[in-house]
Amino acid sequence: MTKRLLTALLGGVSLLGTAGIALAADATLTIESWRNDDLSIWQEKLIPAFEAKNPGIKITFSPSAPTEYDAALGAKLQAGSAGDLITCRPFDKSLELYNKGNLADLTTLSGMENFSDTAKAAWTTDDGKATFCVPMASVLHGFIYNKDAFDQLGIKVPETRDEFFAALDKIKADGTYIPMAMGTKDLWEAATMGYQNIGPNYWKGEEGRVALIKGEQKLTDPDWVAPFEELAKWKPYLGDGFEAQTYPDSQNLFTLGRAAIYPAGSWEISVFNAQAQFKMGAFPPPVEKAGDTCYISDHNDIGIGLNAASKNADAAKTFLTWVASPEFAEIYANALPGFFSLNSKPVEMKDPLAQEFVSWRGKCKSTIRSTYQILSRGTPNLENETWVESANVINGTETPQQAAEKLQKGLDSWYKPAK
C-alpha cells in the first residue's frame, strides 16, 4: 500500500468519524424546569442513562429558579426561544399552556399506556380526550414520626383516630416532646399537611372529589366539614406559639428532635434523612375504626411535555417515551426519594422511609388534592381560600362550619358545575 493511498484511506476514516460525530450531536434537546435542586441527578444519572442508549440525541437540563419559572417560561415561549421539553406543573398551569398551543398532544405517544387515567389526570384536558405531558412523579401525604420518641414512650403506631389522639395525649402528658410540629403562619402548611392530608378518609378520595366537581356534593356536607372538625382538635398538640411558626420552623422542630410527629409531604424525606439524628417512620392518615378503607393523597406533582414549536419533535418524543419507561421510573424515584413514580409498574424503593410511604398504595385508595382540578380557576381561588380557612380553624378564630360555609359561598360565586 502506497503512502499516498494510506493517507487517503486514513483521511476517509477521519472524515467518516467527523461525519459520525456531527450526526451524533445533531439533535440536542433542552429541558426547561423549575426543579433546580435535582440538577445533579439529571446530569449524573438520568441523562447518561438515556444518551447511552440513544447516542444520536444529546440532552441539556436548563432549570430556572422555582419562583421565576412560570414567568420565564412564558416569556421564552412567546419569544420562540423555549427548550424542546417543558417540565409541567400539575393541572391548570400546564392546561393553560396546552390550550394556548404551547404544548403538543401526547395522547398517542408510545409509553403512555404505562400510566393510569388517575396518573395522567393532572395533564389531561377536562373532557379526557387529550394528554399533553408524560407523568413523572407524585408526592404522598401522611405523618412522619420520631421512632426513638415512640419507643421511649411506649407508643405503637396509630391506625385509628382514637389511637392517634391517645398517642398525642401521651406525648403531651410526658412533656419531653412537642406532640406535633405544624404551624399556621404560612397558611398553606395547614391546608396541605392538614386538611388535604386527613380529608380523603372523610370524603372517600376520588368519590368525593369528583362529586364536588359535579356539584353532587358541597363543602358544607358532613364529609367535607369533618376534616375541619378534626383539625380544630389539633390545636392543643402543636406547641406554644404555633400561630407564628413558619414551615421551616416546623421542619427544624422535628429534625432537631423536639417534636414527635410531623404531618408530612413525602418531599421531606431527603431533607429529613440528611438532618435528623434519630430513626424515623411513617404512617398514613388514621381511619375512624380498624378495618375501614383508607384513602391517601397521592398527588400528581411533576410531568414533562413537548414544546409544540420544537424543531426536534421526533428526538424529543424518543426522549419522552424513555421518560414513560420503567427504567426512568426506577432511576428517578430512587434518586429523589419521596417523589414517587406514577408508572403502573411498581418501583422498589431503596430508601426505607420512601418505601414505607409508597407501600400505602397497596393498602389504601389514592386520590389527588381536592382543590387542584377545575375548582381553583376562578376568584376567589378555592386552593388559596382553603389555606386561610384551615389555618383559621386550627387557630380557633373560625368554627369548622363557618370555614366550610365561606369556602362553598366563594365557590358558588363563580363555579357552575357542568350539567
Protein backbone atom coordinates (compact mmCIF):
# COMPACT_ATOMS: atom_id res chain seq x y z
CA MET A 1 0.00 0.00 0.00
CA THR A 2 1.50 3.35 -1.03
CA LYS A 3 1.90 6.14 1.46
CA ARG A 4 -0.49 8.30 -0.61
CA LEU A 5 -3.19 5.60 -0.58
CA LEU A 6 -2.77 5.06 3.15
CA THR A 7 -3.07 8.79 3.77
CA ALA A 8 -6.20 8.92 1.60
CA LEU A 9 -7.75 5.98 3.43
CA LEU A 10 -6.95 7.45 6.83
CA GLY A 11 -8.38 10.75 5.66
CA GLY A 12 -11.55 8.95 4.65
CA VAL A 13 -11.77 7.33 8.08
CA SER A 14 -11.22 10.73 9.64
CA LEU A 15 -13.96 12.28 7.52
CA LEU A 16 -16.34 9.44 8.36
CA GLY A 17 -15.51 9.88 12.04
CA THR A 18 -16.17 13.59 11.83
CA ALA A 19 -19.44 13.00 9.99
CA GLY A 20 -20.41 10.45 12.63
CA ILE A 21 -19.68 12.91 15.43
CA ALA A 22 -21.65 15.64 13.68
CA LEU A 23 -24.56 13.25 13.25
CA ALA A 24 -24.41 12.18 16.89
CA ALA A 25 -24.61 15.77 18.08
CA ASP A 26 -27.25 16.65 15.51
CA ALA A 27 -30.24 16.57 17.88
CA THR A 28 -29.59 18.49 21.09
CA LEU A 29 -32.66 18.83 23.31
CA THR A 30 -33.05 21.39 26.07
CA ILE A 31 -35.27 20.72 29.10
CA GLU A 32 -36.94 23.67 30.85
CA SER A 33 -37.66 23.04 34.54
CA TRP A 34 -38.37 24.75 37.87
CA ARG A 35 -36.64 21.94 39.77
CA ASN A 36 -33.11 23.29 40.13
CA ASP A 37 -32.43 21.12 43.20
CA ASP A 38 -32.21 17.95 41.10
CA LEU A 39 -29.73 19.28 38.51
CA SER A 40 -27.01 16.83 39.59
CA ILE A 41 -29.41 13.87 39.31
CA TRP A 42 -30.18 14.79 35.71
CA GLN A 43 -26.53 15.38 34.85
CA GLU A 44 -25.09 12.34 36.64
CA LYS A 45 -27.83 9.69 36.35
CA LEU A 46 -30.75 10.38 34.04
CA ILE A 47 -29.09 12.00 31.03
CA PRO A 48 -26.16 9.49 30.86
CA ALA A 49 -28.64 6.57 31.05
CA PHE A 50 -30.66 7.96 28.12
CA GLU A 51 -27.70 9.03 25.98
CA ALA A 52 -26.04 5.62 26.38
CA LYS A 53 -28.97 4.07 24.52
CA ASN A 54 -29.60 6.99 22.17
CA PRO A 55 -26.17 8.28 21.05
CA GLY A 56 -27.69 10.48 18.36
CA ILE A 57 -29.53 12.66 20.91
CA LYS A 58 -27.91 15.00 23.43
CA ILE A 59 -29.80 16.40 26.41
CA THR A 60 -29.24 19.69 28.23
CA PHE A 61 -31.08 20.26 31.52
CA SER A 62 -31.61 24.01 31.96
CA PRO A 63 -33.62 24.86 35.10
CA SER A 64 -34.87 28.25 36.31
CA ALA A 65 -35.44 29.33 39.90
CA PRO A 66 -38.78 27.85 41.06
CA THR A 67 -40.36 31.25 41.74
CA GLU A 68 -39.28 32.59 38.34
CA TYR A 69 -40.11 29.55 36.20
CA ASP A 70 -43.67 30.37 35.11
CA ALA A 71 -42.86 33.93 34.04
CA ALA A 72 -39.53 32.97 32.43
CA LEU A 73 -41.07 30.06 30.54
CA GLY A 74 -43.96 32.23 29.32
CA ALA A 75 -41.53 34.85 28.00
CA LYS A 76 -39.40 32.21 26.25
CA LEU A 77 -42.41 30.56 24.65
CA GLN A 78 -43.62 33.92 23.39
CA ALA A 79 -40.17 34.76 22.00
CA GLY A 80 -39.75 31.32 20.42
CA SER A 81 -36.65 30.58 22.49
CA ALA A 82 -38.02 27.94 24.91
CA GLY A 83 -36.46 24.50 25.11
CA ASP A 84 -37.77 21.42 23.30
CA LEU A 85 -39.02 19.80 26.52
CA ILE A 86 -41.15 21.60 29.08
CA THR A 87 -41.39 20.38 32.67
CA CYS A 88 -45.07 20.51 33.56
CA ARG A 89 -46.66 21.72 36.75
CA PRO A 90 -49.85 19.82 37.62
CA PHE A 91 -53.30 20.84 36.39
CA ASP A 92 -54.25 24.35 35.34
CA LYS A 93 -50.83 25.92 34.70
CA SER A 94 -49.99 23.24 32.14
CA LEU A 95 -53.53 23.02 30.77
CA GLU A 96 -53.30 26.73 30.03
CA LEU A 97 -50.08 26.16 28.07
CA TYR A 98 -51.75 23.35 26.11
CA ASN A 99 -54.80 25.47 25.34
CA LYS A 100 -52.51 28.25 24.07
CA GLY A 101 -50.88 25.76 21.70
CA ASN A 102 -47.54 25.73 23.57
CA LEU A 103 -47.64 22.02 24.48
CA ALA A 104 -48.12 19.22 21.94
CA ASP A 105 -50.75 16.49 22.28
CA LEU A 106 -49.01 13.33 23.54
CA THR A 107 -52.09 11.10 23.81
CA THR A 108 -50.75 8.54 21.34
CA LEU A 109 -47.09 8.73 22.44
CA SER A 110 -45.54 5.30 22.86
CA GLY A 111 -45.26 4.64 26.61
CA MET A 112 -48.42 6.49 27.65
CA GLU A 113 -50.08 3.11 28.13
CA ASN A 114 -47.87 2.74 31.22
CA PHE A 115 -49.99 5.24 33.17
CA SER A 116 -53.49 5.04 34.64
CA ASP A 117 -56.10 7.74 34.00
CA THR A 118 -55.58 9.00 37.56
CA ALA A 119 -51.82 9.24 36.96
CA LYS A 120 -52.47 11.28 33.81
CA ALA A 121 -55.26 13.41 35.33
CA ALA A 122 -53.03 16.41 36.07
CA TRP A 123 -52.08 16.71 32.38
CA THR A 124 -55.28 15.73 30.62
CA THR A 125 -57.98 18.02 29.23
CA ASP A 126 -61.27 18.31 31.13
CA ASP A 127 -63.05 16.15 28.56
CA GLY A 128 -60.36 13.44 28.91
CA LYS A 129 -59.59 13.42 25.18
CA ALA A 130 -56.01 14.74 25.17
CA THR A 131 -52.98 14.19 27.41
CA PHE A 132 -50.15 16.67 26.96
CA CYS A 133 -47.41 15.73 29.47
CA VAL A 134 -45.78 12.45 30.49
CA PRO A 135 -46.34 11.90 34.24
CA MET A 136 -43.06 11.78 36.14
CA ALA A 137 -43.84 11.71 39.85
CA SER A 138 -46.33 12.27 42.63
CA VAL A 139 -45.96 13.14 46.30
CA LEU A 140 -47.78 11.34 49.10
CA HIS A 141 -49.16 12.66 52.38
CA GLY A 142 -49.11 11.12 55.81
CA PHE A 143 -47.24 11.51 59.09
CA ILE A 144 -43.52 11.08 59.78
CA TYR A 145 -42.68 10.22 63.37
CA ASN A 146 -39.65 10.03 65.64
CA LYS A 147 -39.21 6.29 66.27
CA ASP A 148 -36.94 6.93 69.25
CA ALA A 149 -39.63 9.06 70.89
CA PHE A 150 -42.32 6.45 70.24
CA ASP A 151 -40.10 3.69 71.67
CA GLN A 152 -39.18 5.79 74.70
CA LEU A 153 -42.85 6.50 75.50
CA GLY A 154 -44.12 3.03 74.59
CA ILE A 155 -46.39 4.29 71.80
CA LYS A 156 -47.43 2.00 68.97
CA VAL A 157 -48.04 3.42 65.51
CA PRO A 158 -51.66 4.64 65.43
CA GLU A 159 -54.06 3.15 62.90
CA THR A 160 -57.33 4.71 64.09
CA ARG A 161 -58.15 8.29 65.06
CA ASP A 162 -58.71 7.29 68.69
CA GLU A 163 -55.25 5.74 68.76
CA PHE A 164 -53.82 8.86 67.09
CA PHE A 165 -55.23 11.22 69.71
CA ALA A 166 -54.30 8.83 72.53
CA ALA A 167 -50.70 8.96 71.25
CA LEU A 168 -50.79 12.77 71.14
CA ASP A 169 -52.17 12.86 74.69
CA LYS A 170 -49.42 10.56 75.94
CA ILE A 171 -46.70 12.64 74.28
CA LYS A 172 -48.15 15.85 75.71
CA ALA A 173 -48.50 14.40 79.22
CA ASP A 174 -44.87 13.28 79.21
CA GLY A 175 -43.66 16.74 78.22
CA THR A 176 -40.36 15.72 76.61
CA TYR A 177 -41.58 16.41 73.07
CA ILE A 178 -44.00 18.76 71.34
CA PRO A 179 -46.62 16.23 70.16
CA MET A 180 -46.86 17.56 66.59
CA ALA A 181 -44.78 20.05 64.58
CA MET A 182 -47.01 22.23 62.43
CA GLY A 183 -47.52 25.98 62.28
CA THR A 184 -50.23 28.13 60.76
CA LYS A 185 -48.30 31.30 59.85
CA ASP A 186 -47.61 30.22 56.26
CA LEU A 187 -51.24 29.10 55.77
CA TRP A 188 -50.54 26.53 53.01
CA GLU A 189 -48.98 24.19 55.57
CA ALA A 190 -52.27 23.95 57.50
CA ALA A 191 -54.19 23.02 54.35
CA THR A 192 -51.65 20.84 52.56
CA MET A 193 -50.35 18.86 55.53
CA GLY A 194 -53.59 19.20 57.46
CA TYR A 195 -56.88 19.34 55.54
CA GLN A 196 -55.68 17.63 52.34
CA ASN A 197 -53.76 15.02 54.34
CA ILE A 198 -56.60 13.74 56.53
CA GLY A 199 -59.53 14.80 54.34
CA PRO A 200 -59.62 11.92 51.82
CA ASN A 201 -60.53 9.44 54.58
CA TYR A 202 -63.65 11.53 55.22
CA TRP A 203 -64.80 12.33 51.66
CA LYS A 204 -63.71 8.91 50.31
CA GLY A 205 -60.99 10.11 47.99
CA GLU A 206 -61.90 10.28 44.31
CA GLU A 207 -65.56 9.54 45.03
CA GLY A 208 -65.96 12.76 46.99
CA ARG A 209 -63.58 14.85 44.89
CA VAL A 210 -65.38 14.03 41.64
CA ALA A 211 -68.79 14.53 43.27
CA LEU A 212 -67.69 18.01 44.38
CA ILE A 213 -66.68 18.92 40.82
CA LYS A 214 -70.01 17.62 39.51
CA GLY A 215 -71.93 19.65 42.08
CA GLU A 216 -73.33 16.48 43.67
CA GLN A 217 -71.61 17.33 46.97
CA LYS A 218 -70.90 20.62 48.70
CA LEU A 219 -68.14 21.73 51.03
CA THR A 220 -70.81 22.19 53.70
CA ASP A 221 -71.70 18.47 53.62
CA PRO A 222 -70.66 16.45 56.69
CA ASP A 223 -67.83 14.61 54.89
CA TRP A 224 -66.19 17.93 54.00
CA VAL A 225 -66.77 19.68 57.35
CA ALA A 226 -65.45 16.70 59.35
CA PRO A 227 -61.75 17.20 58.41
CA PHE A 228 -62.02 20.76 59.76
CA GLU A 229 -63.52 19.36 62.95
CA GLU A 230 -60.50 17.10 63.34
CA LEU A 231 -58.08 19.94 62.58
CA ALA A 232 -59.72 22.01 65.34
CA LYS A 233 -58.69 19.26 67.77
CA TRP A 234 -55.04 19.54 66.75
CA LYS A 235 -54.53 22.93 68.44
CA PRO A 236 -53.54 21.69 71.94
CA TYR A 237 -50.81 19.47 70.46
CA LEU A 238 -48.94 21.97 68.28
CA GLY A 239 -46.85 23.63 70.98
CA ASP A 240 -46.64 27.20 72.21
CA GLY A 241 -46.68 29.92 69.58
CA PHE A 242 -47.61 27.68 66.66
CA GLU A 243 -49.61 30.60 65.18
CA ALA A 244 -46.30 32.40 64.47
CA GLN A 245 -44.47 29.23 63.39
CA THR A 246 -43.34 29.09 59.75
CA TYR A 247 -42.90 25.99 57.60
CA PRO A 248 -39.07 25.98 58.07
CA ASP A 249 -39.67 26.36 61.83
CA SER A 250 -41.80 23.20 61.77
CA GLN A 251 -39.15 21.29 59.82
CA ASN A 252 -36.47 22.36 62.30
CA LEU A 253 -38.55 21.45 65.37
CA PHE A 254 -38.91 17.93 64.03
CA THR A 255 -35.39 17.33 62.70
CA LEU A 256 -33.84 18.71 65.88
CA GLY A 257 -35.77 16.06 67.83
CA ARG A 258 -38.04 18.47 69.67
CA ALA A 259 -41.33 17.20 68.18
CA ALA A 260 -42.53 13.60 67.96
CA ILE A 261 -44.84 13.73 64.92
CA TYR A 262 -44.71 15.75 61.69
CA PRO A 263 -47.75 16.00 59.35
CA ALA A 264 -45.85 15.49 56.14
CA GLY A 265 -45.48 15.53 52.44
CA SER A 266 -43.14 12.84 51.15
CA TRP A 267 -40.89 15.53 49.65
CA GLU A 268 -39.47 15.97 53.17
CA ILE A 269 -37.76 12.55 53.09
CA SER A 270 -34.42 13.60 51.56
CA VAL A 271 -34.19 16.70 53.76
CA PHE A 272 -35.10 14.83 56.95
CA ASN A 273 -32.72 11.95 56.15
CA ALA A 274 -29.89 14.45 55.92
CA GLN A 275 -30.77 16.41 59.05
CA ALA A 276 -32.43 14.14 61.63
CA GLN A 277 -30.16 12.25 64.02
CA PHE A 278 -32.84 9.76 65.06
CA LYS A 279 -34.73 6.88 63.47
CA MET A 280 -37.89 7.81 61.60
CA GLY A 281 -41.01 6.01 60.48
CA ALA A 282 -44.22 7.00 58.75
CA PHE A 283 -47.91 6.15 58.94
CA PRO A 284 -50.89 7.02 56.72
CA PRO A 285 -53.76 9.23 57.94
CA PRO A 286 -55.59 7.18 60.61
CA VAL A 287 -59.07 5.84 59.80
CA GLU A 288 -62.13 6.03 62.05
CA LYS A 289 -62.10 2.36 63.02
CA ALA A 290 -59.93 -0.66 62.33
CA GLY A 291 -60.72 -2.28 59.00
CA ASP A 292 -62.08 0.87 57.34
CA THR A 293 -60.95 1.56 53.77
CA CYS A 294 -58.10 4.08 53.90
CA TYR A 295 -57.52 6.85 51.40
CA ILE A 296 -54.26 8.72 50.73
CA SER A 297 -53.41 11.93 48.96
CA ASP A 298 -51.15 10.67 46.16
CA HIS A 299 -50.85 13.98 44.38
CA ASN A 300 -49.55 14.34 40.83
CA ASP A 301 -46.65 16.74 41.14
CA ILE A 302 -44.47 16.84 38.03
CA GLY A 303 -44.61 15.82 34.38
CA ILE A 304 -42.79 16.67 31.16
CA GLY A 305 -44.16 17.72 27.78
CA LEU A 306 -43.13 18.66 24.25
CA ASN A 307 -42.85 22.28 23.16
CA ALA A 308 -45.23 22.38 20.19
CA ALA A 309 -42.75 24.66 18.39
CA SER A 310 -39.75 22.33 18.84
CA LYS A 311 -37.71 21.72 15.70
CA ASN A 312 -36.59 18.38 17.17
CA ALA A 313 -40.01 16.82 17.78
CA ASP A 314 -39.03 13.29 16.77
CA ALA A 315 -35.97 13.22 19.02
CA ALA A 316 -38.00 14.79 21.83
CA LYS A 317 -40.65 12.08 21.50
CA THR A 318 -37.92 9.43 21.72
CA PHE A 319 -36.83 11.01 24.99
CA LEU A 320 -40.42 11.29 26.31
CA THR A 321 -41.04 7.61 25.53
CA TRP A 322 -38.00 6.83 27.65
CA VAL A 323 -39.35 9.04 30.47
CA ALA A 324 -42.51 6.89 30.28
CA SER A 325 -40.47 3.71 30.76
CA PRO A 326 -39.91 1.66 33.93
CA GLU A 327 -36.16 2.33 33.58
CA PHE A 328 -36.63 6.08 34.01
CA ALA A 329 -39.12 5.49 36.83
CA GLU A 330 -36.65 3.42 38.83
CA ILE A 331 -33.73 5.83 38.42
CA TYR A 332 -35.80 8.95 39.17
CA ALA A 333 -37.76 7.61 42.14
CA ASN A 334 -34.68 6.22 43.88
CA ALA A 335 -32.54 9.29 43.16
CA LEU A 336 -35.27 11.52 44.63
CA PRO A 337 -36.86 9.53 47.46
CA GLY A 338 -40.27 11.00 48.21
CA PHE A 339 -41.08 11.76 44.57
CA PHE A 340 -42.84 8.57 43.57
CA SER A 341 -43.19 7.11 40.11
CA LEU A 342 -46.64 7.27 38.52
CA ASN A 343 -45.73 4.39 36.20
CA SER A 344 -48.06 1.39 36.51
CA LYS A 345 -45.06 -0.86 37.12
CA PRO A 346 -44.18 -0.59 40.84
CA VAL A 347 -40.72 0.69 41.74
CA GLU A 348 -38.92 -0.94 44.65
CA MET A 349 -37.62 1.93 46.76
CA LYS A 350 -34.16 1.62 48.30
CA ASP A 351 -34.88 4.26 50.97
CA PRO A 352 -36.85 2.61 53.83
CA LEU A 353 -38.90 5.71 54.67
CA ALA A 354 -39.81 6.19 51.00
CA GLN A 355 -40.71 2.50 50.75
CA GLU A 356 -42.98 2.86 53.78
CA PHE A 357 -44.84 5.76 52.12
CA VAL A 358 -45.21 4.06 48.75
CA SER A 359 -46.37 0.80 50.35
CA TRP A 360 -49.64 2.55 51.26
CA ARG A 361 -50.63 2.44 47.60
CA GLY A 362 -51.13 -1.29 48.07
CA LYS A 363 -53.36 -0.81 51.13
CA CYS A 364 -55.22 2.46 50.52
CA LYS A 365 -57.05 4.13 47.64
CA SER A 366 -55.20 7.04 46.01
CA THR A 367 -56.69 10.44 45.29
CA ILE A 368 -55.37 13.91 44.46
CA ARG A 369 -55.85 17.17 46.36
CA SER A 370 -59.48 18.19 46.14
CA THR A 371 -58.89 21.80 45.12
CA TYR A 372 -56.44 21.34 42.25
CA GLN A 373 -58.53 20.22 39.29
CA ILE A 374 -61.04 22.75 37.90
CA LEU A 375 -62.16 24.17 41.27
CA SER A 376 -59.42 26.79 41.66
CA ARG A 377 -59.73 28.52 38.30
CA GLY A 378 -61.93 31.36 39.49
CA THR A 379 -61.92 34.11 42.11
CA PRO A 380 -61.91 33.50 44.99
CA ASN A 381 -59.40 30.70 44.38
CA LEU A 382 -60.54 27.63 46.33
CA GLU A 383 -57.00 26.35 46.91
CA ASN A 384 -55.79 29.62 48.44
CA GLU A 385 -59.02 30.07 50.42
CA THR A 386 -58.62 26.55 51.85
CA TRP A 387 -55.19 27.60 53.15
CA VAL A 388 -56.74 30.52 55.03
CA GLU A 389 -59.70 28.59 56.41
CA SER A 390 -57.57 25.63 57.54
CA ALA A 391 -55.32 27.99 59.50
CA ASN A 392 -58.31 29.84 60.97
CA VAL A 393 -59.92 26.61 62.15
CA ILE A 394 -56.71 25.40 63.82
CA ASN A 395 -56.17 28.81 65.38
CA GLY A 396 -59.73 28.73 66.71
CA THR A 397 -60.78 32.01 65.06
CA GLU A 398 -63.46 30.26 62.97
CA THR A 399 -65.57 27.17 63.52
CA PRO A 400 -65.39 24.25 61.08
CA GLN A 401 -68.93 25.05 59.90
CA GLN A 402 -68.08 28.73 59.31
CA ALA A 403 -64.98 27.76 57.33
CA ALA A 404 -66.94 25.32 55.15
CA GLU A 405 -69.71 27.85 54.51
CA LYS A 406 -67.20 30.52 53.49
CA LEU A 407 -65.48 28.12 51.05
CA GLN A 408 -68.76 26.99 49.50
CA LYS A 409 -70.03 30.56 49.17
CA GLY A 410 -66.82 31.57 47.39
CA LEU A 411 -67.04 28.59 45.06
CA ASP A 412 -70.72 29.22 44.30
CA SER A 413 -69.91 32.81 43.32
CA TRP A 414 -68.12 31.70 40.15
CA TYR A 415 -68.32 27.94 39.66
CA LYS A 416 -71.30 26.33 37.94
CA PRO A 417 -70.91 22.54 37.60
CA ALA A 418 -71.30 21.22 34.07
CA LYS A 419 -74.64 19.51 33.59
